[in-house]
C-alpha cells in the first residue's frame, strides 16, 4: 500500500508503533504512542486510530489487554517512508571497513567473504554477499598441482582475478613435470577465451578424439573440463552470522521459531536455492526490501531480506542482510547500500 493511502495522523501513529516495537519488542499501548508520537491528541483519539489501523491490517493485538504490534503490512508502510526520505551517505562505518579490507585483499573471494561478515556484525543479523555470475568471464590460465597420489588440485584463474579451486582424481599418478606440460597445453589453446566457450570446446574435443589423444593430453582436457564445469554453473554465495539468528530465536520476545530458523539454515546450506531467489528479487540494479509475507517461499515468511546489487564490469552481484521482520530497517538499509557502493568501488579499481 502506498504511503498516501493513510491519513497523516494515521501514518504518524503507525510510524510510532513500528519504531517503538522495533526498539522494545513489546506491544505498544496508546499511552506510549501519545507520549512518543508528539501528536497533540488524547489517548482516546489514538485508540480510535489504532482500531482503524487494525481493521486495515497494519497492526494487530496479540492479546485483548495488550497494545499493538506491526503486521508485515505495517512494516511495509514504514519501510516505504524510509525509502522515500533516505539520502545516500558518502561515508559510513560499513563502507570504511570494506574499503580497508579491499586495500588489504586482492582476491574478490576474500573481499566478499569479509563483506558478509561486516554486514552481519553491523546488523546483528545474517549478512551475505553474492559473487557475480562467472559465465561471461574469460580464462586467464589453469594450473595443475599434485596433492598426493592421483589427486590433483586444479586452479582456474579468470582475467578478472577470480580463482576457482577443485580437487580431481585422475586415476593415474602424474609427475609435476607432466602436470606443468598439461597446463601449458590448455593455456596455449584456451587462454583469453570465454570460460563457457572453453568448456564447450573441451567437451567437443573429448567426444571427437576418444582413444586418439595421448595420455597426457586426455588428462589435461578431462581435468580442465571438470574444474570449469563447476565454474560455469555456480554463483558463489558468502554467508556470515547464523549465530546471530540463533541469538534472535533465543530472546524472550523473539518472533523467530526454531522451526523457521532451521528452514533458513537448510536453505543457506543448499546455497543455490538462495542464489536463485536473490536473482529473482534483483533482476536489475538497485535495492530490494522483501518483508515477511511478501516472500514467495513459505520458509522465508518470518524474515525480512534487504539486498542491493553492485556491478563488476558488465556483471552484477549483490550484498545484503536477512533477519527477523522486527529489524532496524533504517540502519540495515543504509548498511547494505553503503556496502554495495564500496564493493563496486573496490572492484572498479582492480
Foldseek 3Di string as FASTA:
>chain_A
DELVVDDPVLSLLLLQQLVVCLVPVFADQLVNSVVPSVPPDDSVVSVVSVVVCVVVQQWDAPDPPGHIHGDLNSLVSNVNVLVVPDDADPDDPLLVVLLVVLVVDPEPVVSQLVSQVSLCVQFLFKKKWWAWAQQQFAWAFWAWDDPDAQKIWIWTATPLGHIFIDIDGLVHDDDNVLRVVLRVVLCVVGHPGGLVVSLVVLVVCCVVCPVNDPPSPNSSSVVSNVRSVVRNPDTDMHMDNLVSQVVLCPDPSRPDDPVLSVLVVVCVVVVVVVVVQVCVQPVDFDKGWAAQPSDPDPSQNQKIKIKGWADQDPTIIIIIGIDGNSGPVSSRNNSRVSSRVSSNVSSVVD
